[in-house]
Amino acid sequence: MSNLEYCVPCLFGLEGPVGDELRRMGIADVRPENGRVKFSGDLSVLAAANIRLRCGERVLIELGSFPAESFDQLFEGVKKLPWENFIPATGKFPVKGHCLNSKLFSVPDCQKIVKKAVVSRLGEKYGISWFQEDGETYQIQFSIMKDTAYLYLDTSGTGLHKRGYRPAAGVAPLRETLAAAMVTLARYRGKGDFCDPFCGSGTLPIEAALIAKNRAPGLNRSFSAEQWGFIEKKVWSSAREEAVSREFSGEYSIIGTDNDPKVVEYAKQNAKRAGVDEIVRFEIADAMNFDRKTDRGIIVTNPPYGERIMEKREAEGLYKGFGEAFIAQENWSLYLLSSHTEFERTFGKIADKKRKLYNGMIKCDLYCYNK
């Protein structure tokens, strides 16, 4: 199969890191857009992106786009796409999607139209009128934005943030893709000391360890497209072998601390499942008493935001105490994610730089302090 068009959805603010990841894979045609990054390539690119991407949410094959101001336009546009090149007669093809700022706004109705159009197209191509859908899954996704419909096949299945190491998590766990992006934006590559003083279930230190080792985050999980008939098994095995050949080994100083013994234990279990327990340490400690010596260190952390009034006051107390402890330290840089609008005031220091990011639907800033 020749070059295909791909789309990687991502959290808002992560388009740049995702684009950089794809370029480092040798992909030249990378086009970041709001909330997604597009590119083109062959099937080996599909496998590599699924296995090696750290900050993207999933890898979609984009089959086409067209104006869709009415259900008739949507039906005809979907029917024109070459579904038979991908979905066999036995394939299971559920439909999901979303609509935004468009005349077509009912997602359930659009789902029905898309499904009907795909059935019509495949029925004509295969000469059948009823599909058992008892084979492998080919998840169809649609996005209708500003009266333009985009149709995709989801190659990932479970989202790429599901690395497989975190069945145990603390309260409000940080998504793995966002954690990896924060570590990437902090420019941590395994040199110097790394610390997360609000580590929770350990996501940031674990992602830092994976980055330090250059270990592909999707190496030990499966993807929907591995079961698709038009992709040879060798494509996936070759992509995994390539990813393993790029791993590093060395001495690393990566630590996570938290004042809750239970979540520290969760973090240790998660690090073991991720295969990085030998290079990550977790300890019970209070961030407000942070006092660690380093010649060069990076703190990347995601403390409680305090979304409710009482929690907000508690969060402000944490920020103030940790701020006093951090300001007293030498040679540590800090990258801290928070949605608190008065963070810098309570922390006690204006950030050298801020970057807008979204933790799910929560608008946040990544506050950067350099020393």
Protein backbone atom coordinates (compact mmCIF):
# COMPACT_ATOMS: atom_id res chain seq x y z
CA MET A 1 0.00 0.00 0.00
CA SER A 2 1.39 3.41 -1.01
CA ASN A 3 1.67 6.46 1.20
CA LEU A 4 -1.29 7.21 3.45
CA GLU A 5 -2.40 10.37 5.20
CA TYR A 6 -2.22 10.21 9.01
CA CYS A 7 -3.50 12.33 11.87
CA VAL A 8 -2.32 12.27 15.50
CA PRO A 9 -4.75 14.01 17.90
CA CYS A 10 -3.08 15.52 20.93
CA LEU A 11 -3.85 17.68 23.95
CA PHE A 12 -3.92 21.38 23.10
CA GLY A 13 -0.46 22.84 23.52
CA LEU A 14 1.34 19.62 22.59
CA GLU A 15 1.26 20.03 18.81
CA GLY A 16 4.91 21.17 18.79
CA PRO A 17 6.32 18.27 20.83
CA VAL A 18 4.34 15.72 18.77
CA GLY A 19 5.56 17.29 15.53
CA ASP A 20 9.16 17.19 16.77
CA GLU A 21 8.79 13.51 17.70
CA LEU A 22 7.58 12.64 14.21
CA ARG A 23 10.41 14.60 12.58
CA ARG A 24 12.95 12.72 14.70
CA MET A 25 11.52 9.53 13.19
CA GLY A 26 12.61 10.81 9.80
CA ILE A 27 9.15 11.92 8.66
CA ALA A 28 9.47 15.07 6.54
CA ASP A 29 5.85 15.93 5.80
CA VAL A 30 4.74 16.98 9.31
CA ARG A 31 1.91 19.54 9.61
CA PRO A 32 0.88 20.65 13.13
CA GLU A 33 -2.65 22.04 13.50
CA ASN A 34 -4.81 22.91 16.50
CA GLY A 35 -5.14 19.78 18.62
CA ARG A 36 -3.64 17.47 16.01
CA VAL A 37 -0.60 16.81 13.82
CA LYS A 38 -0.89 15.50 10.26
CA PHE A 39 1.73 13.68 8.20
CA SER A 40 2.04 11.10 5.44
CA GLY A 41 3.95 7.87 5.06
CA ASP A 42 3.80 4.15 4.40
CA LEU A 43 2.72 1.35 6.75
CA SER A 44 6.12 1.25 8.48
CA VAL A 45 5.49 4.84 9.57
CA LEU A 46 2.11 3.79 10.99
CA ALA A 47 3.76 1.13 13.15
CA ALA A 48 6.67 3.32 14.24
CA ALA A 49 4.38 6.19 15.27
CA ASN A 50 2.21 3.90 17.40
CA ILE A 51 5.18 2.29 19.14
CA ARG A 52 7.43 5.34 19.61
CA LEU A 53 5.19 8.40 20.07
CA ARG A 54 5.24 9.73 23.65
CA CYS A 55 2.99 12.80 23.47
CA GLY A 56 0.30 11.92 20.89
CA GLU A 57 -3.04 10.34 21.82
CA ARG A 58 -3.53 7.91 18.92
CA VAL A 59 -2.62 7.37 15.25
CA LEU A 60 -5.45 7.73 12.73
CA ILE A 61 -5.50 7.00 9.01
CA GLU A 62 -7.27 9.93 7.35
CA LEU A 63 -9.39 8.60 4.49
CA GLY A 64 -10.65 11.96 3.33
CA SER A 65 -12.41 15.24 4.05
CA PHE A 66 -15.26 17.09 2.37
CA PRO A 67 -17.94 19.76 3.01
CA ALA A 68 -20.84 18.43 5.10
CA GLU A 69 -23.59 20.97 5.68
CA SER A 70 -26.38 18.39 5.36
CA PHE A 71 -26.96 14.70 6.03
CA ASP A 72 -27.10 14.10 2.26
CA GLN A 73 -23.67 15.67 1.82
CA LEU A 74 -22.33 13.62 4.71
CA PHE A 75 -23.74 10.37 3.28
CA GLU A 76 -22.44 10.95 -0.25
CA GLY A 77 -19.03 12.13 0.96
CA VAL A 78 -18.55 9.07 3.17
CA LYS A 79 -19.75 6.70 0.46
CA LYS A 80 -17.15 8.00 -2.00
CA LEU A 81 -14.24 6.98 0.25
CA PRO A 82 -12.38 3.69 -0.49
CA TRP A 83 -13.43 1.73 2.62
CA GLU A 84 -12.96 -1.60 0.85
CA ASN A 85 -9.18 -0.96 0.70
CA PHE A 86 -9.11 -1.32 4.47
CA ILE A 87 -12.20 -3.10 5.83
CA PRO A 88 -12.82 -6.74 4.79
CA ALA A 89 -16.29 -8.27 4.42
CA THR A 90 -15.97 -9.83 7.88
CA GLY A 91 -14.68 -6.66 9.55
CA LYS A 92 -16.34 -4.99 12.53
CA PHE A 93 -16.61 -1.24 11.93
CA PRO A 94 -18.19 0.75 14.78
CA VAL A 95 -18.48 4.52 14.37
CA LYS A 96 -17.81 7.34 16.82
CA GLY A 97 -17.02 11.01 16.45
CA HIS A 98 -17.76 14.60 17.36
CA CYS A 99 -19.16 17.79 15.86
CA LEU A 100 -17.99 21.35 16.50
CA ASN A 101 -19.28 24.68 15.16
CA SER A 102 -21.22 22.95 12.37
CA LYS A 103 -24.75 22.78 11.00
CA LEU A 104 -24.63 19.05 11.71
CA PHE A 105 -24.44 18.91 15.50
CA SER A 106 -26.21 15.68 16.50
CA VAL A 107 -23.47 13.10 17.02
CA PRO A 108 -25.86 10.09 17.18
CA ASP A 109 -27.51 11.10 13.90
CA CYS A 110 -24.14 11.61 12.22
CA GLN A 111 -23.00 8.21 13.49
CA LYS A 112 -26.00 6.57 11.85
CA ILE A 113 -25.42 8.36 8.53
CA VAL A 114 -21.71 7.46 8.45
CA LYS A 115 -22.47 3.82 9.28
CA LYS A 116 -25.18 3.65 6.63
CA ALA A 117 -22.88 5.14 3.98
CA VAL A 118 -20.03 2.72 4.76
CA VAL A 119 -22.43 -0.25 4.68
CA SER A 120 -23.76 0.96 1.33
CA ARG A 121 -20.27 1.27 -0.14
CA LEU A 122 -19.00 -2.07 1.16
CA GLY A 123 -22.25 -3.80 0.22
CA GLU A 124 -21.81 -2.75 -3.40
CA LYS A 125 -18.12 -3.73 -3.45
CA TYR A 126 -18.58 -7.14 -1.80
CA GLY A 127 -21.99 -7.94 -3.27
CA ILE A 128 -23.65 -8.53 0.11
CA SER A 129 -26.49 -6.78 1.94
CA TRP A 130 -25.81 -7.89 5.52
CA PHE A 131 -22.57 -7.68 7.48
CA GLN A 132 -22.05 -10.08 10.38
CA GLU A 133 -19.18 -7.91 11.69
CA ASP A 134 -17.62 -10.87 13.49
CA GLY A 135 -14.02 -10.20 12.47
CA GLU A 136 -11.36 -7.73 13.62
CA THR A 137 -12.32 -4.20 14.64
CA TYR A 138 -11.78 -1.26 12.29
CA GLN A 139 -12.87 1.70 14.41
CA ILE A 140 -14.22 4.51 12.25
CA GLN A 141 -13.94 8.04 13.60
CA PHE A 142 -15.40 11.23 12.20
CA SER A 143 -14.83 14.85 13.05
CA ILE A 144 -17.14 17.54 11.71
CA MET A 145 -15.64 20.98 12.28
CA LYS A 146 -16.91 24.20 10.71
CA ASP A 147 -19.06 22.19 8.26
CA THR A 148 -16.15 20.05 7.04
CA ALA A 149 -16.17 16.31 7.72
CA TYR A 150 -12.97 14.35 8.32
CA LEU A 151 -13.12 10.54 8.24
CA TYR A 152 -10.55 8.30 9.92
CA LEU A 153 -9.66 4.74 10.85
CA ASP A 154 -8.18 4.40 14.33
CA THR A 155 -5.04 2.23 14.19
CA SER A 156 -4.20 2.44 17.90
CA GLY A 157 -7.28 1.07 19.64
CA THR A 158 -6.66 1.91 23.27
CA GLY A 159 -5.22 5.43 23.50
CA LEU A 160 -1.43 5.80 23.35
CA HIS A 161 -1.38 7.23 26.87
CA LYS A 162 -2.23 3.73 28.09
CA ARG A 163 1.33 2.42 28.33
CA GLY A 164 0.24 -0.58 30.38
CA TYR A 165 2.21 0.20 33.53
CA ARG A 166 -0.38 2.09 35.53
CA PRO A 167 -3.37 0.02 36.70
CA ALA A 168 -2.66 1.49 40.14
CA ALA A 169 -3.04 5.28 40.33
CA GLY A 170 -3.54 7.93 42.96
CA VAL A 171 -6.16 10.68 42.95
CA ALA A 172 -6.38 12.65 39.66
CA PRO A 173 -3.46 10.90 37.93
CA LEU A 174 -1.57 12.83 35.26
CA ARG A 175 -2.03 11.46 31.75
CA GLU A 176 1.13 9.73 30.55
CA THR A 177 1.26 11.69 27.28
CA LEU A 178 1.13 15.02 29.15
CA ALA A 179 3.75 13.82 31.63
CA ALA A 180 6.07 12.84 28.77
CA ALA A 181 5.50 16.24 27.15
CA MET A 182 6.36 18.07 30.40
CA VAL A 183 9.61 16.10 30.71
CA THR A 184 10.38 16.80 27.05
CA LEU A 185 9.68 20.53 27.41
CA ALA A 186 11.99 20.57 30.44
CA ARG A 187 14.71 19.20 28.11
CA TYR A 188 15.52 16.30 30.39
CA ARG A 189 17.38 13.59 28.48
CA GLY A 190 18.96 11.58 31.29
CA LYS A 191 21.77 13.92 32.34
CA GLY A 192 21.82 15.50 35.80
CA ASP A 193 19.31 14.95 38.60
CA PHE A 194 15.57 14.65 38.01
CA CYS A 195 13.03 15.03 40.80
CA ASP A 196 9.24 15.16 41.22
CA PRO A 197 8.41 16.18 44.81
CA PHE A 198 4.65 15.64 44.27
CA CYS A 199 5.04 12.30 42.46
CA GLY A 200 1.68 10.66 43.24
CA SER A 201 1.54 7.36 41.35
CA GLY A 202 4.90 8.09 39.74
CA THR A 203 3.95 9.02 36.19
CA LEU A 204 6.46 11.87 35.75
CA PRO A 205 9.53 10.00 37.07
CA ILE A 206 8.56 6.89 35.08
CA GLU A 207 8.16 8.87 31.86
CA ALA A 208 11.48 10.61 32.62
CA ALA A 209 13.11 7.18 32.96
CA LEU A 210 11.64 6.00 29.65
CA ILE A 211 12.96 9.16 27.97
CA ALA A 212 16.38 8.82 29.60
CA LYS A 213 16.65 5.24 28.28
CA ASN A 214 15.02 6.24 24.97
CA ARG A 215 12.69 3.30 25.47
CA ALA A 216 9.65 3.35 23.17
CA PRO A 217 6.52 3.74 25.35
CA GLY A 218 4.42 1.41 23.19
CA LEU A 219 6.97 -1.38 23.01
CA ASN A 220 5.09 -3.81 25.26
CA ARG A 221 1.49 -3.19 24.25
CA SER A 222 -0.65 -4.11 21.25
CA PHE A 223 -2.51 -1.96 18.72
CA SER A 224 -5.74 -2.53 16.77
CA ALA A 225 -4.00 -2.35 13.40
CA GLU A 226 -1.75 -5.30 14.29
CA GLN A 227 -4.76 -7.51 13.53
CA TRP A 228 -5.59 -5.89 10.19
CA GLY A 229 -5.13 -8.13 7.20
CA PHE A 230 -3.54 -5.57 4.87
CA ILE A 231 -0.57 -4.95 7.21
CA GLU A 232 2.07 -7.68 7.31
CA LYS A 233 3.22 -8.86 10.75
CA LYS A 234 6.79 -8.10 9.67
CA VAL A 235 5.97 -4.38 9.62
CA TRP A 236 5.30 -4.46 13.37
CA SER A 237 8.20 -6.74 14.31
CA SER A 238 10.61 -4.57 12.32
CA ALA A 239 9.31 -1.41 14.00
CA ARG A 240 9.78 -2.99 17.45
CA GLU A 241 13.30 -4.18 16.58
CA GLU A 242 14.17 -0.68 15.37
CA ALA A 243 12.82 0.83 18.61
CA VAL A 244 14.83 -1.58 20.78
CA SER A 245 18.01 -0.83 18.83
CA ARG A 246 17.67 2.85 19.80
CA GLU A 247 17.63 2.26 23.57
CA PHE A 248 20.34 3.67 25.82
CA SER A 249 21.85 2.33 29.03
CA GLY A 250 23.62 4.33 31.70
CA GLU A 251 23.63 5.78 35.19
CA TYR A 252 20.61 7.95 36.00
CA SER A 253 19.47 9.94 39.01
CA ILE A 254 15.65 9.99 38.95
CA ILE A 255 13.60 10.32 42.12
CA GLY A 256 9.96 10.84 43.04
CA THR A 257 8.71 11.76 46.50
CA ASP A 258 5.29 12.14 48.09
CA ASN A 259 3.99 12.50 51.64
CA ASP A 260 1.42 9.72 51.16
CA PRO A 261 2.94 6.26 51.80
CA LYS A 262 0.16 4.52 49.82
CA VAL A 263 0.78 6.38 46.57
CA VAL A 264 4.54 5.96 46.97
CA GLU A 265 3.93 2.22 47.06
CA TYR A 266 1.71 2.51 43.96
CA ALA A 267 4.51 4.42 42.23
CA LYS A 268 7.02 1.66 43.01
CA GLN A 269 4.64 -0.97 41.56
CA ASN A 270 4.07 1.11 38.43
CA ALA A 271 7.82 1.60 37.90
CA LYS A 272 8.33 -2.15 38.16
CA ARG A 273 5.64 -2.78 35.54
CA ALA A 274 7.29 -0.18 33.29
CA GLY A 275 10.64 -1.95 33.67
CA VAL A 276 12.41 1.11 35.11
CA ASP A 277 12.36 0.26 38.83
CA GLU A 278 16.15 -0.18 38.83
CA ILE A 279 16.76 3.43 37.81
CA VAL A 280 13.92 5.28 39.62
CA ARG A 281 13.74 5.79 43.38
CA PHE A 282 10.58 6.67 45.27
CA GLU A 283 10.62 8.01 48.83
CA ILE A 284 8.20 9.38 51.41
CA ALA A 285 8.94 13.10 51.85
CA ASP A 286 7.18 16.44 52.27
CA ALA A 287 7.65 18.81 49.31
CA MET A 288 7.54 21.80 51.65
CA ASN A 289 10.77 20.51 53.20
CA PHE A 290 12.49 20.04 49.84
CA ASP A 291 16.24 20.24 50.37
CA ARG A 292 18.42 18.41 47.87
CA LYS A 293 21.92 19.26 46.71
CA THR A 294 22.76 19.04 43.01
CA ASP A 295 25.27 20.34 40.51
CA ARG A 296 22.54 20.35 37.88
CA GLY A 297 18.97 19.29 38.47
CA ILE A 298 15.49 19.53 36.96
CA ILE A 299 12.26 19.42 38.94
CA VAL A 300 9.19 18.54 36.89
CA THR A 301 6.00 18.32 38.93
CA ASN A 302 2.22 18.50 38.98
CA PRO A 303 1.05 19.51 42.48
CA PRO A 304 -2.66 19.62 43.49
CA TYR A 305 -4.56 22.43 41.74
CA GLY A 306 -7.22 23.09 44.37
CA GLU A 307 -10.33 23.17 42.17
CA ARG A 308 -12.71 23.54 45.15
CA ILE A 309 -12.60 26.42 47.66
CA MET A 310 -11.21 24.50 50.65
CA GLU A 311 -8.80 22.58 48.41
CA LYS A 312 -7.74 25.87 46.82
CA ARG A 313 -6.60 27.22 50.17
CA GLU A 314 -4.71 24.00 50.86
CA ALA A 315 -3.09 24.20 47.43
CA GLU A 316 -2.02 27.79 48.08
CA GLY A 317 -0.39 26.64 51.31
CA LEU A 318 1.49 23.94 49.39
CA TYR A 319 2.62 26.43 46.74
CA LYS A 320 3.84 28.89 49.37
CA GLY A 321 5.73 26.28 51.37
CA PHE A 322 7.26 24.61 48.33
CA GLY A 323 8.12 28.01 46.83
CA GLU A 324 10.09 28.98 49.93
CA ALA A 325 11.92 25.64 49.85
CA PHE A 326 12.69 25.86 46.13
CA ILE A 327 13.91 29.46 46.18
CA ALA A 328 16.42 28.49 48.87
CA GLN A 329 17.93 25.76 46.64
CA GLU A 330 20.79 26.08 44.16
CA ASN A 331 21.22 24.62 40.67
CA TRP A 332 17.63 23.32 40.33
CA SER A 333 15.38 24.31 37.42
CA LEU A 334 11.64 23.93 37.92
CA TYR A 335 8.80 23.07 35.52
CA LEU A 336 5.51 23.08 37.42
CA LEU A 337 2.02 22.57 36.00
CA SER A 338 -0.91 24.36 37.66
CA SER A 339 -4.34 25.75 36.81
CA HIS A 340 -4.27 28.15 39.78
CA THR A 341 -4.62 31.71 38.47
CA GLU A 342 -2.67 33.14 41.43
CA PHE A 343 0.10 30.56 41.42
CA GLU A 344 3.06 32.95 41.03
CA ARG A 345 1.82 35.19 43.85
CA THR A 346 1.40 32.28 46.27
CA PHE A 347 4.63 30.61 45.13
CA GLY A 348 6.57 33.81 45.78
CA LYS A 349 8.35 34.19 42.45
CA ILE A 350 7.45 35.24 38.90
CA ALA A 351 8.17 32.50 36.35
CA ASP A 352 10.92 33.03 33.81
CA LYS A 353 8.59 31.55 31.20
CA LYS A 354 5.04 30.17 30.97
CA ARG A 355 3.51 27.78 28.47
CA LYS A 356 -0.23 27.09 28.03
CA LEU A 357 -1.16 23.42 28.32
CA TYR A 358 -4.35 21.47 28.95
CA ASN A 359 -4.62 18.71 31.52
CA GLY A 360 -7.71 17.06 30.04
CA MET A 361 -10.21 19.92 29.90
CA ILE A 362 -8.42 21.96 32.58
CA LYS A 363 -6.55 24.98 31.23
CA CYS A 364 -3.13 25.13 32.89
CA ASP A 365 0.22 26.88 32.71
CA LEU A 366 3.60 25.19 32.79
CA TYR A 367 5.62 27.57 34.97
CA CYS A 368 9.33 27.50 34.16
CA TYR A 369 12.04 28.67 36.60
CA ASN A 370 15.68 28.45 35.56
CA LYS A 371 18.74 28.57 37.81
